[in-house]
Amino acid sequence: MNEPAGSPSILQRLLALMPDPALRTKAGLFAMVGVVNASVDFAVFAFCHLYLGLGLVIANILSWVVAVTGSYVLNSTITFAAESGRVLRVKDYLSFAASQAAGLLANTATVVALSYLVPVLVAKFLAIGISFLVNFSLTHFVVFPARRAGAQEEIRRPGAD
């Protein structure tokens, strides 16, 4: 479908959603960390399953632990360096890992289910996409939900009835 002349491109529309250059940078860094860690997840899974002969679930859990650990380190020291002070803390790591557990469950269920239909590495690749959707959805709707109308006034006047 052709867009009318002069209408903004998809990239321009996406960038308009994030007018703050610092937010764009953070989003870009977050995406790059995600690509690196998805690659690590895939490689560790393939190594554990294909070369070490581990079962699908064990290989998937091990690859997830390695990827989540890498994600925590990279996001704490690069993407969210200002918020974390570039300090790695066991408590923060455990909280981060716990928030990713739903993605692990979705990932593992997808790998196992799809392994009956497609080659295991294809199933793993698709599972990474499914777990991304689960993790993003939980982060967007649960961790950082959109404020309802009037919520700003409630924050400004906490004692108001």
N, C-alpha and C. Protein backbone atom coordinates (compact mmCIF):
# COMPACT_ATOMS: atom_id res chain seq x y z
N MET A 1 0.84 -1.17 0.00
CA MET A 1 0.00 0.00 0.00
C MET A 1 0.89 1.24 0.00
N ASN A 2 0.67 2.13 -0.94
CA ASN A 2 1.47 3.34 -1.02
C ASN A 2 0.91 4.42 -0.11
N GLU A 3 1.83 5.11 0.54
CA GLU A 3 1.41 6.23 1.41
C GLU A 3 1.29 7.48 0.55
N PRO A 4 0.36 8.36 0.87
CA PRO A 4 0.23 9.60 0.12
C PRO A 4 1.51 10.42 0.23
N ALA A 5 1.79 11.16 -0.81
CA ALA A 5 2.99 12.00 -0.82
C ALA A 5 2.95 12.96 0.38
N GLY A 6 4.08 13.09 1.04
CA GLY A 6 4.18 14.00 2.16
C GLY A 6 3.80 13.39 3.50
N SER A 7 3.27 12.16 3.50
CA SER A 7 2.92 11.55 4.78
C SER A 7 4.19 10.99 5.42
N PRO A 8 4.22 10.95 6.76
CA PRO A 8 5.44 10.49 7.44
C PRO A 8 5.68 8.99 7.24
N SER A 9 6.95 8.62 7.17
CA SER A 9 7.31 7.21 7.03
C SER A 9 7.07 6.49 8.36
N ILE A 10 7.15 5.17 8.32
CA ILE A 10 6.98 4.38 9.54
C ILE A 10 8.05 4.76 10.56
N LEU A 11 9.29 4.92 10.11
CA LEU A 11 10.38 5.30 11.01
C LEU A 11 10.10 6.66 11.64
N GLN A 12 9.63 7.60 10.83
CA GLN A 12 9.31 8.93 11.37
C GLN A 12 8.18 8.85 12.40
N ARG A 13 7.20 7.99 12.15
CA ARG A 13 6.11 7.82 13.11
C ARG A 13 6.62 7.22 14.42
N LEU A 14 7.49 6.22 14.32
CA LEU A 14 8.05 5.60 15.52
C LEU A 14 8.89 6.60 16.31
N LEU A 15 9.70 7.37 15.61
CA LEU A 15 10.54 8.36 16.29
C LEU A 15 9.70 9.45 16.95
N ALA A 16 8.55 9.76 16.35
CA ALA A 16 7.67 10.77 16.94
C ALA A 16 7.08 10.29 18.27
N LEU A 17 6.99 8.98 18.44
CA LEU A 17 6.50 8.44 19.71
C LEU A 17 7.51 8.66 20.84
N MET A 18 8.77 8.83 20.47
CA MET A 18 9.82 9.07 21.45
C MET A 18 10.56 10.35 21.09
N PRO A 19 9.97 11.51 21.37
CA PRO A 19 10.59 12.76 20.96
C PRO A 19 11.89 13.07 21.72
N ASP A 20 12.08 12.50 22.90
CA ASP A 20 13.26 12.76 23.70
C ASP A 20 14.44 11.95 23.17
N PRO A 21 15.52 12.62 22.70
CA PRO A 21 16.68 11.90 22.17
C PRO A 21 17.31 10.94 23.20
N ALA A 22 17.28 11.29 24.47
CA ALA A 22 17.84 10.41 25.50
C ALA A 22 17.02 9.12 25.60
N LEU A 23 15.70 9.25 25.48
CA LEU A 23 14.85 8.07 25.51
C LEU A 23 15.08 7.19 24.29
N ARG A 24 15.27 7.79 23.14
CA ARG A 24 15.58 7.04 21.93
C ARG A 24 16.88 6.27 22.10
N THR A 25 17.88 6.93 22.66
CA THR A 25 19.17 6.28 22.88
C THR A 25 19.01 5.09 23.81
N LYS A 26 18.28 5.29 24.90
CA LYS A 26 18.06 4.21 25.86
C LYS A 26 17.32 3.05 25.20
N ALA A 27 16.30 3.36 24.41
CA ALA A 27 15.55 2.31 23.73
C ALA A 27 16.45 1.55 22.74
N GLY A 28 17.29 2.28 22.04
CA GLY A 28 18.22 1.64 21.11
C GLY A 28 19.21 0.73 21.82
N LEU A 29 19.75 1.21 22.93
CA LEU A 29 20.67 0.38 23.72
C LEU A 29 19.97 -0.87 24.25
N PHE A 30 18.75 -0.69 24.74
CA PHE A 30 17.97 -1.82 25.25
C PHE A 30 17.75 -2.86 24.15
N ALA A 31 17.43 -2.40 22.95
CA ALA A 31 17.22 -3.31 21.82
C ALA A 31 18.51 -4.04 21.45
N MET A 32 19.64 -3.32 21.45
CA MET A 32 20.92 -3.96 21.13
C MET A 32 21.29 -5.02 22.17
N VAL A 33 21.07 -4.71 23.44
CA VAL A 33 21.32 -5.69 24.50
C VAL A 33 20.43 -6.91 24.27
N GLY A 34 19.19 -6.68 23.88
CA GLY A 34 18.27 -7.78 23.61
C GLY A 34 18.74 -8.68 22.48
N VAL A 35 19.26 -8.08 21.42
CA VAL A 35 19.77 -8.86 20.29
C VAL A 35 20.98 -9.69 20.71
N VAL A 36 21.89 -9.07 21.45
CA VAL A 36 23.08 -9.79 21.94
C VAL A 36 22.64 -10.97 22.81
N ASN A 37 21.74 -10.72 23.75
CA ASN A 37 21.34 -11.78 24.66
C ASN A 37 20.49 -12.85 24.00
N ALA A 38 19.69 -12.50 23.01
CA ALA A 38 18.96 -13.52 22.25
C ALA A 38 19.95 -14.42 21.51
N SER A 39 21.01 -13.82 20.99
CA SER A 39 22.05 -14.60 20.30
C SER A 39 22.76 -15.53 21.27
N VAL A 40 23.07 -15.02 22.45
CA VAL A 40 23.71 -15.84 23.49
C VAL A 40 22.77 -16.98 23.88
N ASP A 41 21.50 -16.67 24.12
CA ASP A 41 20.51 -17.67 24.49
C ASP A 41 20.47 -18.78 23.44
N PHE A 42 20.38 -18.41 22.18
CA PHE A 42 20.31 -19.37 21.09
C PHE A 42 21.57 -20.22 21.03
N ALA A 43 22.75 -19.59 21.11
CA ALA A 43 24.02 -20.32 21.01
C ALA A 43 24.22 -21.28 22.18
N VAL A 44 23.94 -20.83 23.39
CA VAL A 44 24.11 -21.70 24.56
C VAL A 44 23.12 -22.87 24.49
N PHE A 45 21.88 -22.59 24.07
CA PHE A 45 20.89 -23.66 23.92
C PHE A 45 21.38 -24.69 22.91
N ALA A 46 21.82 -24.24 21.74
CA ALA A 46 22.29 -25.15 20.70
C ALA A 46 23.47 -25.98 21.20
N PHE A 47 24.41 -25.35 21.88
CA PHE A 47 25.57 -26.07 22.41
C PHE A 47 25.13 -27.12 23.43
N CYS A 48 24.29 -26.72 24.37
CA CYS A 48 23.86 -27.64 25.42
C CYS A 48 23.05 -28.81 24.87
N HIS A 49 22.17 -28.51 23.93
CA HIS A 49 21.30 -29.56 23.40
C HIS A 49 22.00 -30.43 22.36
N LEU A 50 22.65 -29.79 21.40
CA LEU A 50 23.23 -30.54 20.29
C LEU A 50 24.58 -31.17 20.62
N TYR A 51 25.42 -30.48 21.38
CA TYR A 51 26.76 -31.00 21.64
C TYR A 51 26.89 -31.70 22.99
N LEU A 52 26.19 -31.22 24.00
CA LEU A 52 26.26 -31.87 25.30
C LEU A 52 25.17 -32.92 25.47
N GLY A 53 24.18 -32.91 24.58
CA GLY A 53 23.12 -33.90 24.62
C GLY A 53 22.11 -33.69 25.74
N LEU A 54 22.03 -32.48 26.27
CA LEU A 54 21.06 -32.21 27.33
C LEU A 54 19.66 -32.15 26.74
N GLY A 55 18.67 -32.48 27.56
CA GLY A 55 17.28 -32.41 27.12
C GLY A 55 16.86 -30.99 26.83
N LEU A 56 15.74 -30.85 26.12
CA LEU A 56 15.25 -29.53 25.72
C LEU A 56 15.03 -28.59 26.89
N VAL A 57 14.37 -29.07 27.93
CA VAL A 57 14.03 -28.20 29.05
C VAL A 57 15.29 -27.77 29.81
N ILE A 58 16.18 -28.70 30.09
CA ILE A 58 17.42 -28.36 30.82
C ILE A 58 18.28 -27.41 29.98
N ALA A 59 18.43 -27.70 28.70
CA ALA A 59 19.22 -26.82 27.82
C ALA A 59 18.60 -25.43 27.75
N ASN A 60 17.29 -25.38 27.70
CA ASN A 60 16.60 -24.09 27.61
C ASN A 60 16.75 -23.29 28.90
N ILE A 61 16.65 -23.94 30.03
CA ILE A 61 16.81 -23.24 31.31
C ILE A 61 18.24 -22.73 31.46
N LEU A 62 19.22 -23.56 31.12
CA LEU A 62 20.62 -23.12 31.22
C LEU A 62 20.90 -21.94 30.30
N SER A 63 20.39 -22.00 29.07
CA SER A 63 20.64 -20.89 28.13
C SER A 63 19.94 -19.63 28.61
N TRP A 64 18.76 -19.78 29.22
CA TRP A 64 18.03 -18.63 29.76
C TRP A 64 18.80 -17.98 30.90
N VAL A 65 19.33 -18.80 31.81
CA VAL A 65 20.09 -18.25 32.95
C VAL A 65 21.30 -17.46 32.46
N VAL A 66 22.01 -18.01 31.49
CA VAL A 66 23.18 -17.30 30.94
C VAL A 66 22.74 -16.00 30.28
N ALA A 67 21.67 -16.05 29.48
CA ALA A 67 21.19 -14.86 28.78
C ALA A 67 20.66 -13.80 29.74
N VAL A 68 19.90 -14.20 30.76
CA VAL A 68 19.37 -13.24 31.72
C VAL A 68 20.50 -12.59 32.51
N THR A 69 21.51 -13.38 32.85
CA THR A 69 22.66 -12.83 33.56
C THR A 69 23.37 -11.80 32.70
N GLY A 70 23.59 -12.13 31.44
CA GLY A 70 24.21 -11.17 30.52
C GLY A 70 23.35 -9.93 30.35
N SER A 71 22.04 -10.11 30.24
CA SER A 71 21.13 -8.99 30.09
C SER A 71 21.19 -8.08 31.31
N TYR A 72 21.20 -8.67 32.49
CA TYR A 72 21.29 -7.86 33.71
C TYR A 72 22.58 -7.06 33.74
N VAL A 73 23.70 -7.71 33.45
CA VAL A 73 25.00 -7.01 33.49
C VAL A 73 25.04 -5.89 32.47
N LEU A 74 24.66 -6.17 31.23
CA LEU A 74 24.72 -5.14 30.18
C LEU A 74 23.74 -4.00 30.44
N ASN A 75 22.51 -4.34 30.82
CA ASN A 75 21.53 -3.28 31.07
C ASN A 75 21.90 -2.46 32.30
N SER A 76 22.47 -3.09 33.32
CA SER A 76 22.87 -2.34 34.51
C SER A 76 24.06 -1.43 34.27
N THR A 77 24.97 -1.86 33.41
CA THR A 77 26.20 -1.08 33.20
C THR A 77 26.14 -0.16 31.98
N ILE A 78 25.19 -0.39 31.10
CA ILE A 78 25.10 0.44 29.88
C ILE A 78 23.75 1.16 29.81
N THR A 79 22.69 0.40 29.58
CA THR A 79 21.37 0.99 29.33
C THR A 79 20.86 1.79 30.51
N PHE A 80 20.93 1.22 31.70
CA PHE A 80 20.43 1.87 32.91
C PHE A 80 21.56 2.21 33.87
N ALA A 81 22.68 2.65 33.31
CA ALA A 81 23.85 2.97 34.13
C ALA A 81 23.56 4.07 35.14
N ALA A 82 22.82 5.09 34.72
CA ALA A 82 22.50 6.20 35.63
C ALA A 82 21.66 5.72 36.81
N GLU A 83 20.69 4.84 36.52
CA GLU A 83 19.81 4.35 37.57
C GLU A 83 20.50 3.37 38.51
N SER A 84 21.40 2.54 37.97
CA SER A 84 22.05 1.51 38.78
C SER A 84 23.36 1.98 39.39
N GLY A 85 23.89 3.11 38.89
CA GLY A 85 25.21 3.54 39.33
C GLY A 85 26.30 2.59 38.84
N ARG A 86 25.95 1.76 37.85
CA ARG A 86 26.86 0.73 37.32
C ARG A 86 27.35 -0.22 38.40
N VAL A 87 26.51 -0.42 39.40
CA VAL A 87 26.83 -1.35 40.48
C VAL A 87 25.93 -2.57 40.33
N LEU A 88 26.55 -3.74 40.31
CA LEU A 88 25.80 -4.98 40.21
C LEU A 88 25.51 -5.48 41.63
N ARG A 89 24.25 -5.77 41.88
CA ARG A 89 23.82 -6.21 43.22
C ARG A 89 23.06 -7.52 43.10
N VAL A 90 23.31 -8.44 44.00
CA VAL A 90 22.62 -9.74 43.98
C VAL A 90 21.12 -9.54 44.09
N LYS A 91 20.68 -8.67 44.98
CA LYS A 91 19.24 -8.43 45.16
C LYS A 91 18.62 -7.91 43.86
N ASP A 92 19.28 -6.97 43.19
CA ASP A 92 18.76 -6.44 41.92
C ASP A 92 18.74 -7.53 40.85
N TYR A 93 19.78 -8.35 40.82
CA TYR A 93 19.83 -9.44 39.84
C TYR A 93 18.67 -10.40 40.05
N LEU A 94 18.44 -10.77 41.31
CA LEU A 94 17.35 -11.71 41.61
C LEU A 94 16.00 -11.12 41.24
N SER A 95 15.80 -9.82 41.49
CA SER A 95 14.56 -9.17 41.10
C SER A 95 14.41 -9.15 39.59
N PHE A 96 15.48 -8.84 38.90
CA PHE A 96 15.47 -8.81 37.44
C PHE A 96 15.14 -10.19 36.88
N ALA A 97 15.81 -11.21 37.41
CA ALA A 97 15.59 -12.58 36.93
C ALA A 97 14.16 -13.03 37.21
N ALA A 98 13.65 -12.69 38.39
CA ALA A 98 12.27 -13.08 38.73
C ALA A 98 11.27 -12.45 37.76
N SER A 99 11.54 -11.21 37.35
CA SER A 99 10.61 -10.55 36.43
C SER A 99 10.65 -11.18 35.04
N GLN A 100 11.69 -11.92 34.75
CA GLN A 100 11.83 -12.56 33.45
C GLN A 100 11.32 -14.00 33.44
N ALA A 101 10.86 -14.50 34.58
CA ALA A 101 10.44 -15.89 34.69
C ALA A 101 9.26 -16.24 33.78
N ALA A 102 8.34 -15.33 33.59
CA ALA A 102 7.20 -15.60 32.69
C ALA A 102 7.70 -15.82 31.26
N GLY A 103 8.71 -15.06 30.88
CA GLY A 103 9.30 -15.25 29.55
C GLY A 103 9.96 -16.62 29.43
N LEU A 104 10.60 -17.07 30.51
CA LEU A 104 11.21 -18.40 30.51
C LEU A 104 10.15 -19.48 30.33
N LEU A 105 9.05 -19.34 31.05
CA LEU A 105 7.98 -20.34 30.92
C LEU A 105 7.42 -20.36 29.50
N ALA A 106 7.18 -19.19 28.94
CA ALA A 106 6.66 -19.12 27.57
C ALA A 106 7.67 -19.68 26.58
N ASN A 107 8.95 -19.36 26.80
CA ASN A 107 10.01 -19.83 25.93
C ASN A 107 10.10 -21.35 25.96
N THR A 108 10.13 -21.92 27.17
CA THR A 108 10.26 -23.37 27.31
C THR A 108 9.05 -24.09 26.73
N ALA A 109 7.86 -23.61 27.02
CA ALA A 109 6.64 -24.24 26.49
C ALA A 109 6.65 -24.19 24.96
N THR A 110 7.09 -23.08 24.39
CA THR A 110 7.13 -22.94 22.94
C THR A 110 8.14 -23.89 22.32
N VAL A 111 9.34 -23.98 22.92
CA VAL A 111 10.37 -24.89 22.39
C VAL A 111 9.85 -26.32 22.39
N VAL A 112 9.30 -26.74 23.51
CA VAL A 112 8.83 -28.13 23.62
C VAL A 112 7.69 -28.38 22.62
N ALA A 113 6.70 -27.50 22.60
CA ALA A 113 5.55 -27.71 21.72
C ALA A 113 5.95 -27.70 20.24
N LEU A 114 6.75 -26.72 19.86
CA LEU A 114 7.11 -26.60 18.44
C LEU A 114 8.14 -27.65 17.99
N SER A 115 8.87 -28.24 18.95
CA SER A 115 9.87 -29.24 18.58
C SER A 115 9.23 -30.48 17.93
N TYR A 116 7.92 -30.65 18.14
CA TYR A 116 7.21 -31.76 17.49
C TYR A 116 6.81 -31.42 16.06
N LEU A 117 6.88 -30.13 15.72
CA LEU A 117 6.41 -29.69 14.41
C LEU A 117 7.52 -29.22 13.49
N VAL A 118 8.57 -28.64 14.08
CA VAL A 118 9.67 -28.07 13.28
C VAL A 118 11.00 -28.49 13.92
N PRO A 119 12.11 -28.32 13.21
CA PRO A 119 13.41 -28.63 13.81
C PRO A 119 13.62 -27.83 15.11
N VAL A 120 14.35 -28.43 16.04
CA VAL A 120 14.53 -27.84 17.38
C VAL A 120 15.08 -26.42 17.32
N LEU A 121 16.06 -26.16 16.47
CA LEU A 121 16.64 -24.81 16.43
C LEU A 121 15.65 -23.79 15.87
N VAL A 122 14.78 -24.21 14.98
CA VAL A 122 13.72 -23.32 14.50
C VAL A 122 12.74 -23.05 15.65
N ALA A 123 12.42 -24.10 16.40
CA ALA A 123 11.54 -23.94 17.56
C ALA A 123 12.15 -22.97 18.57
N LYS A 124 13.45 -23.09 18.80
CA LYS A 124 14.12 -22.19 19.75
C LYS A 124 14.09 -20.76 19.25
N PHE A 125 14.34 -20.56 17.97
CA PHE A 125 14.31 -19.22 17.39
C PHE A 125 12.92 -18.59 17.56
N LEU A 126 11.89 -19.34 17.28
CA LEU A 126 10.52 -18.84 17.44
C LEU A 126 10.19 -18.59 18.91
N ALA A 127 10.72 -19.44 19.79
CA ALA A 127 10.48 -19.29 21.23
C ALA A 127 11.08 -18.00 21.77
N ILE A 128 12.21 -17.60 21.22
CA ILE A 128 12.82 -16.32 21.64
C ILE A 128 11.87 -15.18 21.31
N GLY A 129 11.26 -15.21 20.15
CA GLY A 129 10.30 -14.17 19.78
C GLY A 129 9.08 -14.16 20.69
N ILE A 130 8.57 -15.34 21.03
CA ILE A 130 7.41 -15.44 21.92
C ILE A 130 7.75 -14.90 23.30
N SER A 131 8.91 -15.28 23.82
CA SER A 131 9.28 -14.81 25.17
C SER A 131 9.53 -13.30 25.17
N PHE A 132 10.03 -12.75 24.06
CA PHE A 132 10.19 -11.30 23.96
C PHE A 132 8.83 -10.62 24.10
N LEU A 133 7.84 -11.14 23.39
CA LEU A 133 6.49 -10.56 23.46
C LEU A 133 5.91 -10.63 24.87
N VAL A 134 6.13 -11.75 25.55
CA VAL A 134 5.64 -11.90 26.92
C VAL A 134 6.36 -10.92 27.84
N ASN A 135 7.69 -10.87 27.75
CA ASN A 135 8.45 -9.97 28.62
C ASN A 135 8.12 -8.51 28.35
N PHE A 136 8.02 -8.15 27.08
CA PHE A 136 7.68 -6.76 26.76
C PHE A 136 6.29 -6.41 27.27
N SER A 137 5.34 -7.30 27.06
CA SER A 137 3.98 -7.04 27.51
C SER A 137 3.91 -6.86 29.01
N LEU A 138 4.58 -7.74 29.76
CA LEU A 138 4.57 -7.61 31.21
C LEU A 138 5.24 -6.32 31.65
N THR A 139 6.34 -5.97 31.02
CA THR A 139 7.03 -4.74 31.37
C THR A 139 6.15 -3.53 31.07
N HIS A 140 5.55 -3.53 29.90
CA HIS A 140 4.75 -2.38 29.46
C HIS A 140 3.45 -2.24 30.26
N PHE A 141 2.74 -3.34 30.46
CA PHE A 141 1.42 -3.25 31.08
C PHE A 141 1.41 -3.44 32.60
N VAL A 142 2.41 -4.13 33.14
CA VAL A 142 2.42 -4.40 34.58
C VAL A 142 3.45 -3.53 35.30
N VAL A 143 4.68 -3.54 34.81
CA VAL A 143 5.74 -2.78 35.48
C VAL A 143 5.58 -1.28 35.25
N PHE A 144 5.31 -0.89 34.02
CA PHE A 144 5.16 0.52 33.67
C PHE A 144 3.83 0.76 32.96
N PRO A 145 2.71 0.59 33.65
CA PRO A 145 1.41 0.75 32.99
C PRO A 145 1.13 2.21 32.65
N ALA A 146 0.32 2.42 31.64
CA ALA A 146 -0.08 3.79 31.27
C ALA A 146 -0.93 4.35 32.39
N ARG A 147 -0.75 5.61 32.67
CA ARG A 147 -1.56 6.26 33.72
C ARG A 147 -2.95 6.52 33.18
N ARG A 148 -3.92 6.33 34.07
CA ARG A 148 -5.30 6.62 33.67
C ARG A 148 -5.54 8.13 33.77
N ALA A 149 -6.53 8.60 33.13
CA ALA A 149 -6.86 10.03 33.16
C ALA A 149 -7.06 10.48 34.59
N GLY A 150 -6.52 11.61 34.95
CA GLY A 150 -6.67 12.16 36.28
C GLY A 150 -5.63 11.68 37.28
N ALA A 151 -4.79 10.70 36.90
CA ALA A 151 -3.81 10.17 37.84
C ALA A 151 -2.78 11.23 38.22
N GLN A 152 -2.47 12.14 37.31
CA GLN A 152 -1.48 13.17 37.61
C GLN A 152 -1.95 14.06 38.76
N GLU A 153 -3.22 14.43 38.75
CA GLU A 153 -3.74 15.26 39.83
C GLU A 153 -3.68 14.53 41.16
N GLU A 154 -3.93 13.21 41.14
CA GLU A 154 -3.86 12.43 42.37
C GLU A 154 -2.44 12.44 42.93
N ILE A 155 -1.46 12.43 42.05
CA ILE A 155 -0.07 12.46 42.49
C ILE A 155 0.26 13.83 43.08
N ARG A 156 -0.22 14.89 42.45
CA ARG A 156 0.08 16.24 42.93
C ARG A 156 -0.62 16.54 44.25
N ARG A 157 -1.80 16.00 44.45
CA ARG A 157 -2.59 16.30 45.66
C ARG A 157 -2.91 14.98 46.38
N PRO A 158 -1.91 14.35 47.01
CA PRO A 158 -2.17 13.05 47.61
C PRO A 158 -3.19 13.08 48.73
N GLY A 159 -3.38 14.21 49.41
CA GLY A 159 -4.32 14.27 50.52
C GLY A 159 -5.70 14.74 50.11
N ALA A 160 -5.88 15.04 48.81
CA ALA A 160 -7.17 15.56 48.34
C ALA A 160 -8.21 14.46 48.32
N ASP A 161 -9.45 14.79 48.66
CA ASP A 161 -10.54 13.81 48.63
C ASP A 161 -11.34 13.92 47.37
